Amino acid sequence: VWFIEAKYKNDVSESTTNNSTRDQILRNIDVGSWYAGVRDFYFALLILDELHSPVGVSLLGKYLKSKNDILLQLPHRPDGLPNLKGMGQLTWDALAEVLSSCFQTAKREDERYFAKQAADWLAKKGIAKTT
């Protein structure tokens, strides 16, 4: 299971509606890991760049350094999040490159169509060139 927190020209929130001490990254890791159950779980932060999401980059960096920082803030998870297999950061321009490659190389017509639709949407946002 792969959860992606997508931010375009904004940053992650340092508090959530149901818990003011928990940031959006922690919330997604907690909820995603619970949802994944016994399946492997991965989390990614999708951002435009560090300039637009400095808090998210900083928090993710902190959590990448130590899983204990996550566990200390999730005391209701005594399981230790065993299914959390990886976390990382993606950028919208990297996603645009992947979609462009998929559009050019996918064997199935429907996959090429959807990759092109997504790449064209990103191009309209100014993130990538039109395919």
N, C-alpha and C. Protein backbone atom coordinates (compact mmCIF):
# COMPACT_ATOMS: atom_id res chain seq x y z
N VAL A 1 0.86 -1.17 0.00
CA VAL A 1 0.00 0.00 0.00
C VAL A 1 0.90 1.23 0.00
N TRP A 2 0.59 2.18 -0.87
CA TRP A 2 1.40 3.38 -1.01
C TRP A 2 0.51 4.60 -0.80
N PHE A 3 0.75 5.34 0.26
CA PHE A 3 0.05 6.60 0.52
C PHE A 3 0.92 7.72 0.02
N ILE A 4 0.32 8.66 -0.70
CA ILE A 4 1.03 9.83 -1.19
C ILE A 4 0.30 11.07 -0.70
N GLU A 5 1.01 11.92 0.04
CA GLU A 5 0.48 13.23 0.43
C GLU A 5 0.96 14.20 -0.63
N ALA A 6 0.03 14.71 -1.43
CA ALA A 6 0.37 15.58 -2.54
C ALA A 6 0.15 17.05 -2.18
N LYS A 7 1.20 17.83 -2.36
CA LYS A 7 1.15 19.27 -2.15
C LYS A 7 1.63 19.94 -3.43
N TYR A 8 0.90 20.96 -3.85
CA TYR A 8 1.30 21.64 -5.08
C TYR A 8 2.10 22.90 -4.75
N LYS A 9 1.46 23.97 -4.43
CA LYS A 9 2.18 25.19 -4.08
C LYS A 9 1.95 25.55 -2.61
N ASN A 10 1.87 24.53 -1.78
CA ASN A 10 1.69 24.76 -0.35
C ASN A 10 2.45 23.72 0.45
N ASP A 11 2.34 23.83 1.74
CA ASP A 11 3.11 22.99 2.65
C ASP A 11 2.19 22.08 3.45
N VAL A 12 2.78 21.11 4.12
CA VAL A 12 1.99 20.25 5.00
C VAL A 12 1.59 21.05 6.23
N SER A 13 0.51 20.64 6.83
CA SER A 13 0.06 21.27 8.06
C SER A 13 0.76 20.62 9.24
N GLU A 14 1.12 21.44 10.20
CA GLU A 14 1.79 20.91 11.39
C GLU A 14 0.80 20.42 12.44
N SER A 15 -0.49 20.56 12.16
CA SER A 15 -1.52 20.00 13.04
C SER A 15 -2.68 19.53 12.17
N THR A 16 -3.43 18.56 12.68
CA THR A 16 -4.58 18.04 11.95
C THR A 16 -5.85 18.36 12.72
N THR A 17 -6.97 18.25 12.07
CA THR A 17 -8.26 18.60 12.66
C THR A 17 -8.54 17.81 13.93
N ASN A 18 -8.30 16.51 13.90
CA ASN A 18 -8.63 15.67 15.05
C ASN A 18 -7.55 15.60 16.11
N ASN A 19 -6.35 16.09 15.80
CA ASN A 19 -5.26 16.02 16.77
C ASN A 19 -4.28 17.15 16.47
N SER A 20 -4.33 18.20 17.26
CA SER A 20 -3.50 19.38 17.00
C SER A 20 -2.01 19.14 17.23
N THR A 21 -1.64 18.01 17.83
CA THR A 21 -0.22 17.74 18.06
C THR A 21 0.38 16.84 16.97
N ARG A 22 -0.44 16.46 16.00
CA ARG A 22 0.03 15.54 14.97
C ARG A 22 0.01 16.23 13.61
N ASP A 23 1.13 16.18 12.89
CA ASP A 23 1.21 16.80 11.57
C ASP A 23 0.63 15.87 10.51
N GLN A 24 0.48 16.39 9.29
CA GLN A 24 -0.13 15.62 8.21
C GLN A 24 0.67 14.38 7.84
N ILE A 25 1.99 14.47 7.92
CA ILE A 25 2.80 13.30 7.58
C ILE A 25 2.57 12.19 8.59
N LEU A 26 2.62 12.53 9.87
CA LEU A 26 2.35 11.53 10.91
C LEU A 26 0.96 10.92 10.75
N ARG A 27 -0.01 11.76 10.47
CA ARG A 27 -1.38 11.27 10.31
C ARG A 27 -1.45 10.26 9.17
N ASN A 28 -0.83 10.59 8.03
CA ASN A 28 -0.85 9.66 6.89
C ASN A 28 -0.10 8.37 7.18
N ILE A 29 0.99 8.45 7.89
CA ILE A 29 1.74 7.24 8.25
C ILE A 29 0.90 6.37 9.18
N ASP A 30 0.27 6.99 10.16
CA ASP A 30 -0.57 6.25 11.10
C ASP A 30 -1.76 5.61 10.39
N VAL A 31 -2.52 6.41 9.67
CA VAL A 31 -3.72 5.91 8.99
C VAL A 31 -3.35 4.91 7.89
N GLY A 32 -2.32 5.22 7.15
CA GLY A 32 -1.91 4.34 6.06
C GLY A 32 -1.43 2.99 6.55
N SER A 33 -0.63 3.01 7.59
CA SER A 33 -0.12 1.76 8.16
C SER A 33 -1.27 0.92 8.70
N TRP A 34 -2.20 1.56 9.38
CA TRP A 34 -3.37 0.85 9.91
C TRP A 34 -4.19 0.25 8.76
N TYR A 35 -4.42 1.06 7.72
CA TYR A 35 -5.19 0.58 6.56
C TYR A 35 -4.50 -0.60 5.88
N ALA A 36 -3.18 -0.52 5.76
CA ALA A 36 -2.42 -1.57 5.07
C ALA A 36 -2.51 -2.90 5.81
N GLY A 37 -2.67 -2.85 7.13
CA GLY A 37 -2.78 -4.09 7.90
C GLY A 37 -1.50 -4.91 7.82
N VAL A 38 -1.60 -6.13 7.31
CA VAL A 38 -0.43 -7.00 7.22
C VAL A 38 0.38 -6.77 5.94
N ARG A 39 -0.15 -5.94 5.05
CA ARG A 39 0.57 -5.65 3.80
C ARG A 39 1.67 -4.62 4.05
N ASP A 40 2.70 -4.64 3.22
CA ASP A 40 3.76 -3.64 3.30
C ASP A 40 3.18 -2.26 3.04
N PHE A 41 3.71 -1.25 3.75
CA PHE A 41 3.22 0.11 3.62
C PHE A 41 4.36 1.07 3.31
N TYR A 42 4.09 1.98 2.38
CA TYR A 42 5.06 3.00 1.97
C TYR A 42 4.36 4.36 1.99
N PHE A 43 5.13 5.40 2.33
CA PHE A 43 4.61 6.76 2.34
C PHE A 43 5.51 7.65 1.49
N ALA A 44 4.89 8.55 0.72
CA ALA A 44 5.65 9.52 -0.05
C ALA A 44 5.01 10.90 0.09
N LEU A 45 5.87 11.90 0.12
CA LEU A 45 5.44 13.29 0.09
C LEU A 45 5.72 13.82 -1.31
N LEU A 46 4.68 14.21 -2.02
CA LEU A 46 4.79 14.72 -3.38
C LEU A 46 4.69 16.24 -3.32
N ILE A 47 5.76 16.92 -3.73
CA ILE A 47 5.81 18.38 -3.62
C ILE A 47 6.30 19.01 -4.92
N LEU A 48 6.04 20.31 -5.04
CA LEU A 48 6.58 21.06 -6.17
C LEU A 48 8.09 21.22 -6.00
N ASP A 49 8.48 21.74 -4.83
CA ASP A 49 9.89 21.90 -4.50
C ASP A 49 10.00 22.27 -3.02
N GLU A 50 11.22 22.31 -2.51
CA GLU A 50 11.43 22.59 -1.10
C GLU A 50 11.02 24.02 -0.75
N LEU A 51 11.12 24.94 -1.68
CA LEU A 51 10.73 26.33 -1.44
C LEU A 51 9.25 26.44 -1.06
N HIS A 52 8.40 25.63 -1.71
CA HIS A 52 6.97 25.67 -1.43
C HIS A 52 6.56 24.77 -0.26
N SER A 53 7.39 23.84 0.14
CA SER A 53 7.04 22.89 1.20
C SER A 53 8.19 22.65 2.18
N PRO A 54 8.75 23.71 2.76
CA PRO A 54 9.90 23.52 3.66
C PRO A 54 9.57 22.73 4.92
N VAL A 55 8.37 22.91 5.47
CA VAL A 55 7.99 22.18 6.68
C VAL A 55 7.88 20.69 6.37
N GLY A 56 7.25 20.36 5.27
CA GLY A 56 7.11 18.96 4.88
C GLY A 56 8.45 18.29 4.66
N VAL A 57 9.35 18.98 3.98
CA VAL A 57 10.68 18.42 3.73
C VAL A 57 11.42 18.20 5.05
N SER A 58 11.30 19.17 5.95
CA SER A 58 11.97 19.06 7.25
C SER A 58 11.40 17.92 8.09
N LEU A 59 10.08 17.84 8.17
CA LEU A 59 9.46 16.77 8.96
C LEU A 59 9.78 15.40 8.38
N LEU A 60 9.68 15.26 7.07
CA LEU A 60 9.98 13.97 6.45
C LEU A 60 11.44 13.59 6.71
N GLY A 61 12.33 14.56 6.61
CA GLY A 61 13.74 14.29 6.90
C GLY A 61 13.96 13.80 8.32
N LYS A 62 13.24 14.42 9.26
CA LYS A 62 13.34 14.00 10.66
C LYS A 62 12.84 12.56 10.84
N TYR A 63 11.72 12.24 10.21
CA TYR A 63 11.16 10.90 10.34
C TYR A 63 12.00 9.84 9.62
N LEU A 64 12.64 10.24 8.53
CA LEU A 64 13.51 9.31 7.81
C LEU A 64 14.74 8.95 8.64
N LYS A 65 15.20 9.90 9.45
CA LYS A 65 16.39 9.65 10.28
C LYS A 65 16.10 8.68 11.41
N SER A 66 14.88 8.74 11.95
CA SER A 66 14.58 7.90 13.11
C SER A 66 13.11 7.51 13.17
N LYS A 67 12.87 6.23 13.04
CA LYS A 67 11.50 5.72 13.19
C LYS A 67 11.00 5.96 14.61
N ASN A 68 11.93 6.07 15.57
CA ASN A 68 11.53 6.34 16.96
C ASN A 68 10.81 7.68 17.10
N ASP A 69 11.18 8.68 16.26
CA ASP A 69 10.48 9.97 16.30
C ASP A 69 9.01 9.80 15.92
N ILE A 70 8.74 8.86 15.04
CA ILE A 70 7.36 8.58 14.65
C ILE A 70 6.65 7.86 15.80
N LEU A 71 7.27 6.82 16.32
CA LEU A 71 6.65 6.00 17.36
C LEU A 71 6.38 6.79 18.64
N LEU A 72 7.27 7.71 19.00
CA LEU A 72 7.06 8.53 20.20
C LEU A 72 5.81 9.39 20.09
N GLN A 73 5.47 9.77 18.86
CA GLN A 73 4.30 10.62 18.66
C GLN A 73 3.02 9.83 18.36
N LEU A 74 3.17 8.52 18.29
CA LEU A 74 2.00 7.66 18.06
C LEU A 74 1.92 6.60 19.16
N PRO A 75 1.72 7.02 20.42
CA PRO A 75 1.71 6.06 21.52
C PRO A 75 0.58 5.04 21.45
N HIS A 76 -0.46 5.34 20.66
CA HIS A 76 -1.56 4.38 20.50
C HIS A 76 -1.20 3.26 19.52
N ARG A 77 0.04 3.27 19.00
CA ARG A 77 0.49 2.24 18.07
C ARG A 77 1.61 1.42 18.69
N PRO A 78 1.29 0.61 19.71
CA PRO A 78 2.34 -0.19 20.36
C PRO A 78 2.91 -1.29 19.46
N ASP A 79 2.30 -1.49 18.29
CA ASP A 79 2.80 -2.51 17.36
C ASP A 79 4.14 -2.13 16.74
N GLY A 80 4.52 -0.84 16.83
CA GLY A 80 5.80 -0.41 16.29
C GLY A 80 5.81 -0.21 14.77
N LEU A 81 4.63 -0.18 14.15
CA LEU A 81 4.50 0.02 12.71
C LEU A 81 5.38 -0.95 11.90
N PRO A 82 5.23 -2.24 12.12
CA PRO A 82 6.12 -3.20 11.44
C PRO A 82 5.96 -3.22 9.92
N ASN A 83 4.83 -2.76 9.42
CA ASN A 83 4.61 -2.80 7.98
C ASN A 83 5.13 -1.55 7.25
N LEU A 84 5.63 -0.56 8.00
CA LEU A 84 6.20 0.64 7.39
C LEU A 84 7.55 0.28 6.78
N LYS A 85 7.57 0.12 5.47
CA LYS A 85 8.77 -0.37 4.78
C LYS A 85 9.59 0.75 4.15
N GLY A 86 8.99 1.91 3.95
CA GLY A 86 9.75 2.98 3.34
C GLY A 86 8.99 4.29 3.29
N MET A 87 9.76 5.38 3.25
CA MET A 87 9.22 6.73 3.12
C MET A 87 10.13 7.48 2.17
N GLY A 88 9.57 8.46 1.48
CA GLY A 88 10.40 9.24 0.58
C GLY A 88 9.68 10.46 0.06
N GLN A 89 10.42 11.20 -0.73
CA GLN A 89 9.93 12.45 -1.30
C GLN A 89 9.94 12.37 -2.81
N LEU A 90 8.88 12.86 -3.43
CA LEU A 90 8.76 12.94 -4.88
C LEU A 90 8.52 14.39 -5.27
N THR A 91 8.86 14.74 -6.49
CA THR A 91 8.53 16.07 -6.99
C THR A 91 7.58 15.94 -8.18
N TRP A 92 6.79 16.98 -8.38
CA TRP A 92 5.84 16.98 -9.49
C TRP A 92 6.56 16.88 -10.83
N ASP A 93 7.73 17.51 -10.98
CA ASP A 93 8.42 17.41 -12.26
C ASP A 93 8.94 16.00 -12.51
N ALA A 94 9.35 15.29 -11.46
CA ALA A 94 9.77 13.89 -11.62
C ALA A 94 8.57 13.03 -12.02
N LEU A 95 7.42 13.29 -11.41
CA LEU A 95 6.21 12.56 -11.78
C LEU A 95 5.86 12.82 -13.24
N ALA A 96 6.02 14.06 -13.68
CA ALA A 96 5.74 14.41 -15.08
C ALA A 96 6.66 13.62 -16.02
N GLU A 97 7.92 13.45 -15.64
CA GLU A 97 8.85 12.67 -16.46
C GLU A 97 8.41 11.21 -16.56
N VAL A 98 7.98 10.65 -15.43
CA VAL A 98 7.51 9.26 -15.43
C VAL A 98 6.28 9.12 -16.33
N LEU A 99 5.35 10.04 -16.20
CA LEU A 99 4.14 9.97 -17.03
C LEU A 99 4.47 10.11 -18.51
N SER A 100 5.40 10.99 -18.83
CA SER A 100 5.81 11.16 -20.22
C SER A 100 6.43 9.87 -20.76
N SER A 101 7.24 9.24 -19.95
CA SER A 101 7.84 7.96 -20.35
C SER A 101 6.77 6.90 -20.55
N CYS A 102 5.80 6.86 -19.63
CA CYS A 102 4.70 5.89 -19.74
C CYS A 102 3.91 6.14 -21.01
N PHE A 103 3.66 7.39 -21.31
CA PHE A 103 2.91 7.72 -22.53
C PHE A 103 3.64 7.22 -23.77
N GLN A 104 4.94 7.30 -23.75
CA GLN A 104 5.74 6.91 -24.91
C GLN A 104 5.99 5.41 -25.00
N THR A 105 5.99 4.71 -23.86
CA THR A 105 6.44 3.32 -23.89
C THR A 105 5.41 2.28 -23.45
N ALA A 106 4.31 2.69 -22.87
CA ALA A 106 3.32 1.72 -22.40
C ALA A 106 2.80 0.89 -23.57
N LYS A 107 2.63 -0.41 -23.32
CA LYS A 107 2.16 -1.31 -24.38
C LYS A 107 0.66 -1.21 -24.60
N ARG A 108 -0.07 -0.91 -23.52
CA ARG A 108 -1.53 -0.86 -23.63
C ARG A 108 -2.00 0.55 -23.99
N GLU A 109 -2.95 0.61 -24.86
CA GLU A 109 -3.47 1.90 -25.32
C GLU A 109 -4.10 2.70 -24.18
N ASP A 110 -4.85 2.03 -23.28
CA ASP A 110 -5.49 2.76 -22.19
C ASP A 110 -4.45 3.35 -21.23
N GLU A 111 -3.34 2.64 -21.01
CA GLU A 111 -2.29 3.17 -20.15
C GLU A 111 -1.65 4.41 -20.79
N ARG A 112 -1.42 4.35 -22.10
CA ARG A 112 -0.86 5.53 -22.80
C ARG A 112 -1.82 6.71 -22.72
N TYR A 113 -3.11 6.44 -22.89
CA TYR A 113 -4.12 7.48 -22.84
C TYR A 113 -4.13 8.19 -21.48
N PHE A 114 -4.19 7.40 -20.40
CA PHE A 114 -4.26 8.00 -19.07
C PHE A 114 -2.96 8.71 -18.70
N ALA A 115 -1.83 8.16 -19.10
CA ALA A 115 -0.54 8.82 -18.85
C ALA A 115 -0.50 10.16 -19.58
N LYS A 116 -0.99 10.20 -20.81
CA LYS A 116 -1.01 11.45 -21.57
C LYS A 116 -1.95 12.46 -20.93
N GLN A 117 -3.11 12.01 -20.49
CA GLN A 117 -4.06 12.92 -19.84
C GLN A 117 -3.42 13.57 -18.60
N ALA A 118 -2.77 12.76 -17.80
CA ALA A 118 -2.14 13.27 -16.58
C ALA A 118 -0.97 14.20 -16.92
N ALA A 119 -0.15 13.81 -17.89
CA ALA A 119 0.98 14.65 -18.30
C ALA A 119 0.50 15.98 -18.86
N ASP A 120 -0.57 15.95 -19.65
CA ASP A 120 -1.13 17.19 -20.20
C ASP A 120 -1.67 18.09 -19.08
N TRP A 121 -2.29 17.50 -18.07
CA TRP A 121 -2.78 18.29 -16.94
C TRP A 121 -1.61 18.96 -16.22
N LEU A 122 -0.52 18.22 -16.02
CA LEU A 122 0.66 18.81 -15.38
C LEU A 122 1.24 19.92 -16.24
N ALA A 123 1.22 19.75 -17.55
CA ALA A 123 1.73 20.79 -18.45
C ALA A 123 0.89 22.06 -18.33
N LYS A 124 -0.42 21.92 -18.21
CA LYS A 124 -1.29 23.08 -18.04
C LYS A 124 -0.98 23.83 -16.74
N LYS A 125 -0.50 23.08 -15.75
CA LYS A 125 -0.10 23.69 -14.47
C LYS A 125 1.30 24.33 -14.57
N GLY A 126 1.96 24.12 -15.70
CA GLY A 126 3.30 24.67 -15.88
C GLY A 126 4.40 23.79 -15.30
N ILE A 127 4.08 22.55 -15.01
CA ILE A 127 5.06 21.66 -14.40
C ILE A 127 5.89 20.92 -15.44
N ALA A 128 5.31 20.64 -16.59
CA ALA A 128 6.02 19.86 -17.61
C ALA A 128 5.64 20.35 -18.99
N LYS A 129 6.41 19.94 -19.95
CA LYS A 129 6.12 20.27 -21.34
C LYS A 129 4.91 19.46 -21.81
N THR A 130 4.18 20.01 -22.77
CA THR A 130 3.06 19.27 -23.34
C THR A 130 3.59 18.08 -24.12
N THR A 131 2.92 16.92 -23.95
CA THR A 131 3.36 15.70 -24.64
C THR A 131 2.90 15.71 -26.08
